[in-house]
């Protein structure tokens, strides 16, 4: 039986360079084979081989990641994303830290009045034309789209990724030395809560 022809164009993440930490083997390992056709379609729609930019707010600053954004649009993504961030053993296959910077007063970095020069430069350095940027707050989406004209993603699936980054912040953003607030530490992801509810576990913080 003839093998199906390999789709050109594709959903493979960009080639790595020596400093990026992005493995060239990502394509096969990050996408289950059963979903490969759908992943390819989603990657084409997102552009840039399915890679989006992600702005993550830490206790003392902001981090820029590249992220395999196709995961946000796969079936049951809202329920499944959290499980990819329980341990750090495979995160290098779909998310890569590009830059982290601390700010003395984050409230002045991005708000309804604008975006600071330093954060603007940080975003623009890594953003590619037409590439989407995932953010963790609606006000960030509004400010960035208005000021920088960059299309942003903010939804429940993105919030699941943000939960995962908080869960693995120590390893994914090693330069961050500040601690998460008690509220952030107690927050439970939607996907985790769904699994616990399914098996009858209900008495958890924020459950």
N, C-alpha and C. Protein backbone atom coordinates (compact mmCIF):
# COMPACT_ATOMS: atom_id res chain seq x y z
N UNK A 1 0.86 -1.20 0.00
CA UNK A 1 0.00 0.00 0.00
C UNK A 1 0.89 1.24 0.00
N UNK A 2 0.53 2.17 -0.89
CA UNK A 2 1.34 3.39 -0.95
C UNK A 2 1.15 4.20 0.31
N UNK A 3 2.24 4.80 0.76
CA UNK A 3 2.14 5.69 1.92
C UNK A 3 1.55 7.02 1.49
N UNK A 4 0.72 7.64 2.38
CA UNK A 4 0.20 8.96 2.02
C UNK A 4 1.33 9.97 1.84
N UNK A 5 1.16 10.86 0.88
CA UNK A 5 2.20 11.86 0.64
C UNK A 5 2.29 12.81 1.80
N UNK A 6 3.50 13.19 2.14
CA UNK A 6 3.72 14.13 3.24
C UNK A 6 3.22 15.50 2.85
N UNK A 7 2.46 16.10 3.74
CA UNK A 7 1.91 17.44 3.48
C UNK A 7 3.02 18.46 3.49
N UNK A 8 3.01 19.29 2.47
CA UNK A 8 4.01 20.34 2.41
C UNK A 8 3.50 21.56 3.11
N UNK A 9 4.30 22.32 3.62
CA UNK A 9 3.90 23.51 4.25
C UNK A 9 3.73 23.57 5.64
N UNK A 10 3.74 23.22 6.13
CA UNK A 10 3.36 22.70 7.27
C UNK A 10 3.24 23.07 8.65
N UNK A 11 3.04 22.04 9.46
CA UNK A 11 2.83 22.35 10.84
C UNK A 11 4.08 22.19 11.66
N UNK A 12 5.21 21.96 11.02
CA UNK A 12 6.43 21.79 11.79
C UNK A 12 6.89 23.12 12.35
N UNK A 13 7.28 23.17 13.63
CA UNK A 13 7.82 24.40 14.20
C UNK A 13 9.11 24.79 13.50
N UNK A 14 9.55 26.03 13.64
CA UNK A 14 10.74 26.50 12.95
C UNK A 14 11.97 25.72 13.34
N UNK A 15 12.95 25.70 12.44
CA UNK A 15 14.22 25.06 12.77
C UNK A 15 14.86 25.76 13.96
N UNK A 16 15.58 24.99 14.75
CA UNK A 16 16.20 25.59 15.93
C UNK A 16 17.55 26.18 15.58
N UNK A 17 18.05 27.06 16.47
CA UNK A 17 19.43 27.49 16.38
C UNK A 17 20.09 27.13 17.69
N UNK A 18 21.38 27.35 17.78
CA UNK A 18 22.12 26.87 18.93
C UNK A 18 21.66 27.49 20.23
N UNK A 19 21.10 28.70 20.17
CA UNK A 19 20.75 29.39 21.41
C UNK A 19 19.28 29.31 21.78
N UNK A 20 18.44 28.84 20.88
CA UNK A 20 17.00 28.93 21.13
C UNK A 20 16.47 27.85 22.03
N UNK A 21 17.07 26.66 22.01
CA UNK A 21 16.55 25.56 22.78
C UNK A 21 15.33 24.92 22.14
N UNK A 22 15.00 25.27 20.90
CA UNK A 22 13.84 24.70 20.23
C UNK A 22 14.30 23.51 19.40
N UNK A 23 13.90 22.28 19.77
CA UNK A 23 14.37 21.10 19.06
C UNK A 23 13.75 20.98 17.69
N UNK A 24 14.53 20.50 16.71
CA UNK A 24 14.01 20.32 15.36
C UNK A 24 13.10 19.11 15.28
N UNK A 25 13.10 18.25 16.28
CA UNK A 25 12.25 17.06 16.27
C UNK A 25 10.86 17.32 16.82
N UNK A 26 10.54 18.59 17.07
CA UNK A 26 9.28 18.92 17.73
C UNK A 26 8.05 18.41 16.99
N UNK A 27 8.06 18.50 15.68
CA UNK A 27 6.85 18.24 14.91
C UNK A 27 6.19 16.91 15.26
N UNK A 28 6.96 15.83 15.24
CA UNK A 28 6.36 14.52 15.48
C UNK A 28 6.01 14.32 16.95
N UNK A 29 6.87 14.80 17.84
CA UNK A 29 6.67 14.52 19.25
C UNK A 29 5.55 15.36 19.85
N UNK A 30 5.34 16.57 19.35
CA UNK A 30 4.35 17.46 19.95
C UNK A 30 2.93 17.20 19.46
N UNK A 31 2.79 16.45 18.34
CA UNK A 31 1.47 16.25 17.78
C UNK A 31 1.15 14.77 17.66
N UNK A 32 0.10 14.30 18.31
CA UNK A 32 -0.31 12.91 18.17
C UNK A 32 -0.61 12.60 16.71
N UNK A 33 -0.18 11.42 16.22
CA UNK A 33 -0.34 11.08 14.81
C UNK A 33 -1.79 11.07 14.38
N UNK A 34 -2.71 10.67 15.27
CA UNK A 34 -4.12 10.61 14.91
C UNK A 34 -4.69 11.98 14.59
N UNK A 35 -4.05 13.02 15.11
CA UNK A 35 -4.55 14.38 14.89
C UNK A 35 -3.70 15.15 13.89
N UNK A 36 -2.77 14.49 13.27
CA UNK A 36 -1.85 15.19 12.38
C UNK A 36 -2.57 15.98 11.29
N UNK A 37 -3.57 15.42 10.59
CA UNK A 37 -4.24 16.22 9.55
C UNK A 37 -4.88 17.49 10.11
N UNK A 38 -5.58 17.38 11.25
CA UNK A 38 -6.19 18.55 11.87
C UNK A 38 -5.13 19.54 12.32
N UNK A 39 -4.05 19.04 12.91
CA UNK A 39 -2.98 19.91 13.36
C UNK A 39 -2.39 20.70 12.19
N UNK A 40 -2.25 20.03 11.05
CA UNK A 40 -1.70 20.71 9.88
C UNK A 40 -2.62 21.82 9.40
N UNK A 41 -3.92 21.55 9.41
CA UNK A 41 -4.89 22.58 9.00
C UNK A 41 -4.85 23.77 9.96
N UNK A 42 -4.81 23.48 11.25
CA UNK A 42 -4.78 24.55 12.25
C UNK A 42 -3.49 25.36 12.14
N UNK A 43 -2.38 24.66 11.90
CA UNK A 43 -1.10 25.36 11.76
C UNK A 43 -1.12 26.29 10.55
N UNK A 44 -1.73 25.83 9.46
CA UNK A 44 -1.83 26.69 8.28
C UNK A 44 -2.67 27.93 8.57
N UNK A 45 -3.73 27.75 9.33
CA UNK A 45 -4.60 28.89 9.65
C UNK A 45 -3.89 29.89 10.55
N UNK A 46 -3.13 29.38 11.51
CA UNK A 46 -2.41 30.27 12.42
C UNK A 46 -1.24 30.95 11.74
N UNK A 47 -0.65 30.25 10.76
CA UNK A 47 0.55 30.75 10.13
C UNK A 47 1.77 30.46 10.98
N UNK A 48 2.94 30.69 10.44
CA UNK A 48 4.19 30.50 11.17
C UNK A 48 4.30 29.09 11.74
N UNK A 49 3.83 28.10 10.95
CA UNK A 49 3.90 26.70 11.36
C UNK A 49 3.17 26.42 12.67
N UNK A 50 2.19 27.25 12.97
CA UNK A 50 1.41 27.04 14.20
C UNK A 50 2.02 27.65 15.44
N UNK A 51 3.16 28.31 15.29
CA UNK A 51 3.83 28.91 16.43
C UNK A 51 3.29 30.32 16.68
N UNK A 52 2.86 30.57 17.90
CA UNK A 52 2.42 31.91 18.28
C UNK A 52 3.38 32.46 19.35
N UNK A 53 3.22 33.73 19.65
CA UNK A 53 3.99 34.35 20.73
C UNK A 53 3.09 34.38 21.97
N UNK A 54 3.70 34.33 23.14
CA UNK A 54 2.91 34.33 24.38
C UNK A 54 3.57 35.27 25.39
N UNK A 55 2.77 36.16 25.96
CA UNK A 55 3.23 37.09 26.98
C UNK A 55 2.76 36.59 28.34
N UNK A 56 3.71 36.23 29.18
CA UNK A 56 3.40 35.66 30.50
C UNK A 56 3.82 36.62 31.59
N UNK A 57 2.88 36.97 32.46
CA UNK A 57 3.17 37.87 33.57
C UNK A 57 3.63 37.06 34.78
N UNK A 58 4.79 37.40 35.31
CA UNK A 58 5.33 36.75 36.50
C UNK A 58 5.20 37.72 37.69
N UNK A 59 5.55 37.29 38.89
CA UNK A 59 5.44 38.20 40.04
C UNK A 59 6.23 39.50 39.88
N UNK A 60 7.37 39.44 39.19
CA UNK A 60 8.22 40.64 39.11
C UNK A 60 8.40 41.19 37.70
N UNK A 61 7.78 40.57 36.69
CA UNK A 61 8.00 41.07 35.35
C UNK A 61 7.16 40.36 34.30
N UNK A 62 7.73 40.28 33.09
CA UNK A 62 7.05 39.63 31.98
C UNK A 62 8.04 38.75 31.23
N UNK A 63 7.53 37.64 30.70
CA UNK A 63 8.33 36.73 29.90
C UNK A 63 7.68 36.56 28.53
N UNK A 64 8.51 36.43 27.52
CA UNK A 64 8.03 36.16 26.17
C UNK A 64 8.38 34.71 25.83
N UNK A 65 7.38 33.97 25.39
CA UNK A 65 7.57 32.59 24.95
C UNK A 65 7.13 32.44 23.51
N UNK A 66 7.71 31.47 22.83
CA UNK A 66 7.11 30.94 21.62
C UNK A 66 6.37 29.67 22.03
N UNK A 67 5.19 29.50 21.47
CA UNK A 67 4.32 28.39 21.90
C UNK A 67 3.65 27.76 20.69
N UNK A 68 3.53 26.44 20.71
CA UNK A 68 2.85 25.73 19.63
C UNK A 68 1.34 25.93 19.79
N UNK A 69 0.84 27.00 19.19
CA UNK A 69 -0.52 27.45 19.42
C UNK A 69 -1.60 26.53 18.92
N UNK A 70 -1.26 25.57 18.09
CA UNK A 70 -2.25 24.60 17.61
C UNK A 70 -2.93 23.90 18.79
N UNK A 71 -2.20 23.72 19.88
CA UNK A 71 -2.77 23.04 21.05
C UNK A 71 -4.02 23.75 21.59
N UNK A 72 -4.12 25.04 21.34
CA UNK A 72 -5.26 25.82 21.83
C UNK A 72 -6.56 25.48 21.11
N UNK A 73 -6.44 24.90 19.91
CA UNK A 73 -7.61 24.71 19.05
C UNK A 73 -7.94 23.24 18.79
N UNK A 74 -7.19 22.33 19.37
CA UNK A 74 -7.50 20.91 19.22
C UNK A 74 -8.77 20.56 20.00
N UNK A 75 -9.45 19.49 19.63
CA UNK A 75 -10.66 19.08 20.37
C UNK A 75 -10.38 18.92 21.86
N UNK A 76 -11.28 19.41 22.68
CA UNK A 76 -11.17 19.31 24.14
C UNK A 76 -9.92 19.98 24.70
N UNK A 77 -9.44 21.00 24.02
CA UNK A 77 -8.21 21.67 24.46
C UNK A 77 -8.35 22.22 25.88
N UNK A 78 -9.50 22.79 26.18
CA UNK A 78 -9.70 23.40 27.50
C UNK A 78 -9.53 22.37 28.62
N UNK A 79 -9.93 21.12 28.36
CA UNK A 79 -9.82 20.07 29.36
C UNK A 79 -8.44 19.42 29.38
N UNK A 80 -7.69 19.52 28.28
CA UNK A 80 -6.46 18.73 28.16
C UNK A 80 -5.16 19.50 28.34
N UNK A 81 -5.17 20.81 28.13
CA UNK A 81 -3.91 21.57 28.13
C UNK A 81 -3.18 21.46 29.46
N UNK A 82 -3.88 21.50 30.58
CA UNK A 82 -3.23 21.50 31.89
C UNK A 82 -2.30 20.31 32.08
N UNK A 83 -2.67 19.16 31.50
CA UNK A 83 -1.89 17.94 31.72
C UNK A 83 -0.50 18.01 31.11
N UNK A 84 -0.31 18.91 30.16
CA UNK A 84 1.00 19.07 29.53
C UNK A 84 1.96 19.86 30.41
N UNK A 85 1.42 20.48 31.48
CA UNK A 85 2.24 21.32 32.35
C UNK A 85 2.33 20.79 33.77
N UNK A 86 2.02 19.52 33.95
CA UNK A 86 2.13 18.92 35.29
C UNK A 86 3.60 18.71 35.64
N UNK A 87 4.38 18.23 34.65
CA UNK A 87 5.81 18.03 34.83
C UNK A 87 6.55 18.74 33.70
N UNK A 88 7.82 18.96 33.90
CA UNK A 88 8.61 19.72 32.94
C UNK A 88 9.37 18.84 31.95
N UNK A 89 9.07 17.55 31.91
CA UNK A 89 9.90 16.65 31.11
C UNK A 89 9.71 16.81 29.60
N UNK A 90 8.55 17.35 29.16
CA UNK A 90 8.33 17.46 27.72
C UNK A 90 7.93 18.87 27.27
N UNK A 91 7.96 19.82 28.16
CA UNK A 91 7.53 21.17 27.77
C UNK A 91 8.42 21.77 26.69
N UNK A 92 9.69 21.32 26.62
CA UNK A 92 10.59 21.87 25.61
C UNK A 92 10.16 21.49 24.19
N UNK A 93 9.18 20.61 24.08
CA UNK A 93 8.69 20.21 22.77
C UNK A 93 7.65 21.18 22.21
N UNK A 94 7.09 22.05 23.06
CA UNK A 94 6.02 22.91 22.54
C UNK A 94 6.04 24.34 23.09
N UNK A 95 6.94 24.67 24.01
CA UNK A 95 7.01 26.05 24.50
C UNK A 95 8.45 26.40 24.81
N UNK A 96 8.86 27.62 24.41
CA UNK A 96 10.26 28.01 24.53
C UNK A 96 10.38 29.45 25.03
N UNK A 97 11.09 29.63 26.11
CA UNK A 97 11.33 30.98 26.64
C UNK A 97 12.28 31.74 25.73
N UNK A 98 11.92 32.95 25.36
CA UNK A 98 12.78 33.78 24.53
C UNK A 98 13.38 34.95 25.30
N UNK A 99 12.58 35.54 26.23
CA UNK A 99 13.07 36.71 26.95
C UNK A 99 12.30 36.87 28.25
N UNK A 100 13.02 37.26 29.30
CA UNK A 100 12.38 37.61 30.57
C UNK A 100 12.98 38.92 31.06
N UNK A 101 12.12 39.77 31.58
CA UNK A 101 12.58 41.06 32.10
C UNK A 101 11.77 41.43 33.33
N UNK A 102 12.46 41.95 34.35
CA UNK A 102 11.77 42.43 35.55
C UNK A 102 11.44 43.91 35.38
N UNK A 103 10.40 44.35 36.06
CA UNK A 103 9.98 45.75 36.04
C UNK A 103 9.70 46.20 37.47
N UNK A 104 10.12 47.40 37.81
CA UNK A 104 9.93 47.90 39.17
C UNK A 104 8.46 48.08 39.52
N UNK A 105 7.67 48.55 38.57
CA UNK A 105 6.24 48.78 38.82
C UNK A 105 5.46 48.26 37.62
N UNK A 106 4.95 47.05 37.72
CA UNK A 106 4.26 46.44 36.58
C UNK A 106 2.97 47.18 36.22
N UNK A 107 2.38 47.86 37.19
CA UNK A 107 1.12 48.56 36.91
C UNK A 107 1.31 49.67 35.88
N UNK A 108 2.55 50.14 35.73
CA UNK A 108 2.83 51.20 34.77
C UNK A 108 3.37 50.67 33.44
N UNK A 109 3.57 49.35 33.38
CA UNK A 109 4.15 48.75 32.18
C UNK A 109 3.12 48.60 31.07
N UNK A 110 1.93 48.14 31.44
CA UNK A 110 0.86 48.00 30.46
C UNK A 110 -0.48 48.23 31.16
N UNK A 111 -1.23 49.19 30.66
CA UNK A 111 -2.54 49.50 31.22
C UNK A 111 -3.38 50.21 30.17
N UNK A 112 -4.50 50.77 30.57
CA UNK A 112 -5.41 51.38 29.60
C UNK A 112 -4.83 52.62 28.94
N UNK A 113 -3.78 53.18 29.52
CA UNK A 113 -3.18 54.39 28.94
C UNK A 113 -2.08 54.09 27.93
N UNK A 114 -1.57 52.86 27.94
CA UNK A 114 -0.52 52.53 26.99
C UNK A 114 0.38 51.40 27.45
N UNK A 115 1.49 51.25 26.72
CA UNK A 115 2.46 50.18 26.98
C UNK A 115 3.84 50.81 27.07
N UNK A 116 4.61 50.40 28.04
CA UNK A 116 5.93 51.00 28.23
C UNK A 116 6.84 50.72 27.04
N UNK A 117 7.83 51.58 26.87
CA UNK A 117 8.78 51.43 25.78
C UNK A 117 9.52 50.10 25.87
N UNK A 118 9.94 49.73 27.08
CA UNK A 118 10.71 48.49 27.24
C UNK A 118 9.89 47.26 26.89
N UNK A 119 8.62 47.20 27.31
CA UNK A 119 7.79 46.04 26.98
C UNK A 119 7.46 46.04 25.49
N UNK A 120 7.23 47.21 24.93
CA UNK A 120 6.97 47.31 23.49
C UNK A 120 8.14 46.75 22.69
N UNK A 121 9.35 47.15 23.06
CA UNK A 121 10.55 46.67 22.37
C UNK A 121 10.71 45.16 22.53
N UNK A 122 10.40 44.68 23.72
CA UNK A 122 10.52 43.25 24.02
C UNK A 122 9.56 42.43 23.14
N UNK A 123 8.33 42.89 23.02
CA UNK A 123 7.35 42.18 22.19
C UNK A 123 7.73 42.25 20.72
N UNK A 124 8.07 43.44 20.25
CA UNK A 124 8.36 43.62 18.83
C UNK A 124 9.62 42.87 18.39
N UNK A 125 10.55 42.68 19.30
CA UNK A 125 11.78 41.97 18.95
C UNK A 125 11.48 40.54 18.51
N UNK A 126 10.51 39.92 19.16
CA UNK A 126 10.23 38.50 18.90
C UNK A 126 9.00 38.27 18.04
N UNK A 127 8.18 39.29 17.84
CA UNK A 127 6.95 39.12 17.07
C UNK A 127 7.23 39.13 15.58
N UNK A 128 6.62 38.19 14.87
CA UNK A 128 6.74 38.11 13.42
C UNK A 128 5.48 38.68 12.77
N UNK A 129 5.58 39.22 11.57
CA UNK A 129 4.40 39.82 10.91
C UNK A 129 3.23 38.83 10.85
N UNK A 130 2.07 39.28 11.31
CA UNK A 130 0.88 38.44 11.26
C UNK A 130 0.77 37.41 12.36
N UNK A 131 1.78 37.29 13.19
CA UNK A 131 1.77 36.28 14.25
C UNK A 131 0.87 36.70 15.40
N UNK A 132 0.13 35.76 15.95
CA UNK A 132 -0.76 36.05 17.08
C UNK A 132 0.02 36.01 18.39
N UNK A 133 -0.48 36.80 19.34
CA UNK A 133 0.13 36.89 20.67
C UNK A 133 -0.90 36.51 21.71
N UNK A 134 -0.61 35.49 22.51
CA UNK A 134 -1.51 35.08 23.59
C UNK A 134 -1.19 35.88 24.84
N UNK A 135 -2.22 36.37 25.51
CA UNK A 135 -2.04 37.17 26.73
C UNK A 135 -2.99 36.67 27.81
N UNK A 136 -2.66 36.98 29.06
CA UNK A 136 -3.42 36.44 30.18
C UNK A 136 -4.49 37.34 30.75
N UNK A 137 -4.66 38.54 30.18
CA UNK A 137 -5.69 39.45 30.68
C UNK A 137 -6.36 40.16 29.51
N UNK A 138 -7.66 40.39 29.65
CA UNK A 138 -8.40 41.05 28.58
C UNK A 138 -7.88 42.47 28.35
N UNK A 139 -7.51 43.16 29.44
CA UNK A 139 -7.02 44.53 29.27
C UNK A 139 -5.69 44.57 28.50
N UNK A 140 -4.88 43.50 28.63
CA UNK A 140 -3.64 43.43 27.87
C UNK A 140 -3.96 43.25 26.38
N UNK A 141 -4.93 42.42 26.09
CA UNK A 141 -5.34 42.22 24.70
C UNK A 141 -5.79 43.54 24.08
N UNK A 142 -6.63 44.28 24.79
CA UNK A 142 -7.14 45.54 24.27
C UNK A 142 -6.02 46.55 24.06
N UNK A 143 -5.10 46.65 25.03
CA UNK A 143 -4.02 47.63 24.94
C UNK A 143 -3.06 47.30 23.80
N UNK A 144 -2.68 46.03 23.68
CA UNK A 144 -1.71 45.64 22.65
C UNK A 144 -2.31 45.76 21.26
N UNK A 145 -3.55 45.35 21.10
CA UNK A 145 -4.18 45.47 19.78
C UNK A 145 -4.37 46.93 19.39
N UNK A 146 -4.68 47.78 20.36
CA UNK A 146 -4.90 49.19 20.06
C UNK A 146 -3.59 49.92 19.78
N UNK A 147 -2.57 49.65 20.59
CA UNK A 147 -1.32 50.41 20.50
C UNK A 147 -0.32 49.80 19.51
N UNK A 148 -0.21 48.47 19.52
CA UNK A 148 0.81 47.82 18.69
C UNK A 148 0.25 47.17 17.44
N UNK A 149 -1.07 47.11 17.34
CA UNK A 149 -1.74 46.51 16.17
C UNK A 149 -1.34 45.05 15.98
N UNK A 150 -1.14 44.35 17.08
CA UNK A 150 -0.80 42.93 17.04
C UNK A 150 -2.04 42.13 17.44
N UNK A 151 -2.47 41.16 16.63
CA UNK A 151 -3.65 40.37 16.99
C UNK A 151 -3.38 39.48 18.19
N UNK A 152 -4.25 39.55 19.18
CA UNK A 152 -4.02 38.82 20.44
C UNK A 152 -5.08 37.75 20.67
N UNK A 153 -4.69 36.73 21.42
CA UNK A 153 -5.60 35.67 21.83
C UNK A 153 -5.79 35.74 23.34
N UNK A 154 -7.03 35.78 23.76
CA UNK A 154 -7.35 35.70 25.19
C UNK A 154 -8.65 34.92 25.32
N UNK A 155 -8.55 33.71 25.87
CA UNK A 155 -9.74 32.87 26.06
C UNK A 155 -9.44 31.84 27.15
N UNK A 156 -10.38 30.94 27.37
CA UNK A 156 -10.21 29.95 28.43
C UNK A 156 -9.02 29.03 28.18
N UNK A 157 -8.78 28.69 26.91
CA UNK A 157 -7.66 27.82 26.58
C UNK A 157 -6.32 28.50 26.89
N UNK A 158 -6.22 29.78 26.56
CA UNK A 158 -5.00 30.53 26.88
C UNK A 158 -4.79 30.58 28.39
N UNK A 159 -5.87 30.76 29.14
CA UNK A 159 -5.75 30.80 30.60
C UNK A 159 -5.26 29.47 31.16
N UNK A 160 -5.59 28.37 30.50
CA UNK A 160 -5.07 27.07 30.93
C UNK A 160 -3.55 27.00 30.74
N UNK A 161 -3.07 27.58 29.64
CA UNK A 161 -1.62 27.64 29.42
C UNK A 161 -0.96 28.51 30.49
N UNK A 162 -1.58 29.64 30.80
CA UNK A 162 -1.03 30.53 31.82
C UNK A 162 -0.98 29.81 33.18
N UNK A 163 -2.00 29.00 33.48
CA UNK A 163 -1.97 28.20 34.71
C UNK A 163 -0.76 27.26 34.67
N UNK A 164 -0.55 26.62 33.54
CA UNK A 164 0.57 25.71 33.42
C UNK A 164 1.91 26.39 33.60
N UNK A 165 2.05 27.59 33.06
CA UNK A 165 3.30 28.33 33.21
C UNK A 165 3.53 28.71 34.67
N UNK A 166 2.47 29.07 35.37
CA UNK A 166 2.62 29.36 36.80
C UNK A 166 3.03 28.11 37.56
N UNK A 167 2.44 26.98 37.19
CA UNK A 167 2.74 25.72 37.87
C UNK A 167 4.20 25.33 37.71
N UNK A 168 4.78 25.64 36.55
CA UNK A 168 6.17 25.27 36.27
C UNK A 168 7.08 26.49 36.16
N UNK A 169 6.68 27.59 36.79
CA UNK A 169 7.42 28.84 36.64
C UNK A 169 8.88 28.71 37.03
N UNK A 170 9.17 27.97 38.07
CA UNK A 170 10.55 27.84 38.54
C UNK A 170 11.47 27.26 37.47
N UNK A 171 10.98 26.32 36.71
CA UNK A 171 11.82 25.70 35.69
C UNK A 171 11.71 26.39 34.33
N UNK A 172 10.54 26.94 34.01
CA UNK A 172 10.36 27.57 32.71
C UNK A 172 10.84 29.02 32.67
N UNK A 173 10.84 29.69 33.82
CA UNK A 173 11.38 31.06 33.91
C UNK A 173 12.36 31.07 35.08
N UNK A 174 13.52 30.44 34.92
CA UNK A 174 14.45 30.29 36.05
C UNK A 174 14.99 31.59 36.62
N UNK A 175 14.95 32.67 35.83
CA UNK A 175 15.45 33.96 36.33
C UNK A 175 14.48 34.63 37.30
N UNK A 176 13.25 34.19 37.32
CA UNK A 176 12.27 34.76 38.24
C UNK A 176 12.54 34.24 39.65
N UNK A 177 12.86 35.16 40.56
CA UNK A 177 13.19 34.76 41.94
C UNK A 177 12.06 35.07 42.92
N UNK A 178 11.07 35.83 42.50
CA UNK A 178 9.95 36.16 43.38
C UNK A 178 8.95 35.01 43.42
N UNK A 179 8.15 34.99 44.49
CA UNK A 179 7.17 33.93 44.66
C UNK A 179 5.80 34.35 44.14
N UNK A 180 5.01 33.37 43.72
CA UNK A 180 3.63 33.63 43.35
C UNK A 180 2.83 34.02 44.59
N UNK A 181 1.77 34.77 44.40
CA UNK A 181 0.90 35.11 45.52
C UNK A 181 0.13 33.86 45.96
N UNK A 182 -0.42 33.92 47.16
CA UNK A 182 -1.21 32.80 47.65
C UNK A 182 -2.38 32.49 46.73
N UNK A 183 -2.99 33.53 46.19
CA UNK A 183 -4.13 33.34 45.28
C UNK A 183 -3.71 32.57 44.03
N UNK A 184 -2.54 32.93 43.47
CA UNK A 184 -2.05 32.23 42.28
C UNK A 184 -1.70 30.78 42.58
N UNK A 185 -1.13 30.54 43.76
CA UNK A 185 -0.73 29.17 44.12
C UNK A 185 -1.94 28.27 44.32
N UNK A 186 -3.04 28.83 44.83
CA UNK A 186 -4.22 28.03 45.12
C UNK A 186 -5.13 27.85 43.91
N UNK A 187 -4.93 28.64 42.89
CA UNK A 187 -5.80 28.58 41.72
C UNK A 187 -5.72 27.21 41.05
N UNK A 188 -6.86 26.66 40.70
CA UNK A 188 -6.90 25.36 40.02
C UNK A 188 -7.30 25.55 38.57
N UNK A 189 -6.67 24.81 37.68
CA UNK A 189 -7.02 24.91 36.27
C UNK A 189 -8.38 24.28 36.02
N UNK A 190 -9.04 24.75 34.97
CA UNK A 190 -10.34 24.20 34.61
C UNK A 190 -10.22 22.72 34.27
N UNK A 191 -9.18 22.38 33.51
CA UNK A 191 -9.00 20.99 33.10
C UNK A 191 -8.79 20.06 34.28
N UNK A 192 -7.97 20.47 35.23
CA UNK A 192 -7.73 19.65 36.42
C UNK A 192 -9.02 19.49 37.22
N UNK A 193 -9.75 20.58 37.40
CA UNK A 193 -11.01 20.52 38.14
C UNK A 193 -11.98 19.56 37.46
N UNK A 194 -12.03 19.58 36.13
CA UNK A 194 -12.92 18.69 35.39
C UNK A 194 -12.59 17.23 35.66
N UNK A 195 -11.30 16.91 35.65
CA UNK A 195 -10.88 15.52 35.91
C UNK A 195 -11.22 15.11 37.34
N UNK A 196 -10.94 15.99 38.30
CA UNK A 196 -11.24 15.67 39.69
C UNK A 196 -12.74 15.48 39.91
N UNK A 197 -13.53 16.35 39.30
CA UNK A 197 -14.99 16.22 39.42
C UNK A 197 -15.48 14.90 38.82
N UNK A 198 -14.85 14.51 37.74
CA UNK A 198 -15.26 13.27 37.06
C UNK A 198 -15.09 12.06 37.97
N UNK A 199 -14.06 12.12 38.81
CA UNK A 199 -13.78 10.98 39.69
C UNK A 199 -14.27 11.21 41.12
N UNK A 200 -15.09 12.25 41.29
CA UNK A 200 -15.74 12.44 42.58
C UNK A 200 -14.93 13.17 43.63
N UNK A 201 -13.86 13.86 43.22
CA UNK A 201 -13.08 14.65 44.18
C UNK A 201 -13.51 16.11 44.05
N UNK A 202 -14.11 16.64 45.12
CA UNK A 202 -14.68 17.98 45.04
C UNK A 202 -14.12 18.97 46.06
N UNK A 203 -13.60 18.50 47.16
CA UNK A 203 -13.21 19.39 48.26
C UNK A 203 -11.78 19.87 48.10
N UNK A 204 -11.57 20.76 47.12
CA UNK A 204 -10.26 21.33 46.87
C UNK A 204 -10.39 22.84 46.78
N UNK A 205 -9.33 23.59 47.10
CA UNK A 205 -9.38 25.05 46.97
C UNK A 205 -9.75 25.44 45.55
N UNK A 206 -10.64 26.41 45.42
CA UNK A 206 -11.06 26.93 44.12
C UNK A 206 -11.75 25.88 43.25
N UNK A 207 -12.12 24.75 43.82
CA UNK A 207 -12.76 23.72 43.01
C UNK A 207 -14.21 24.05 42.76
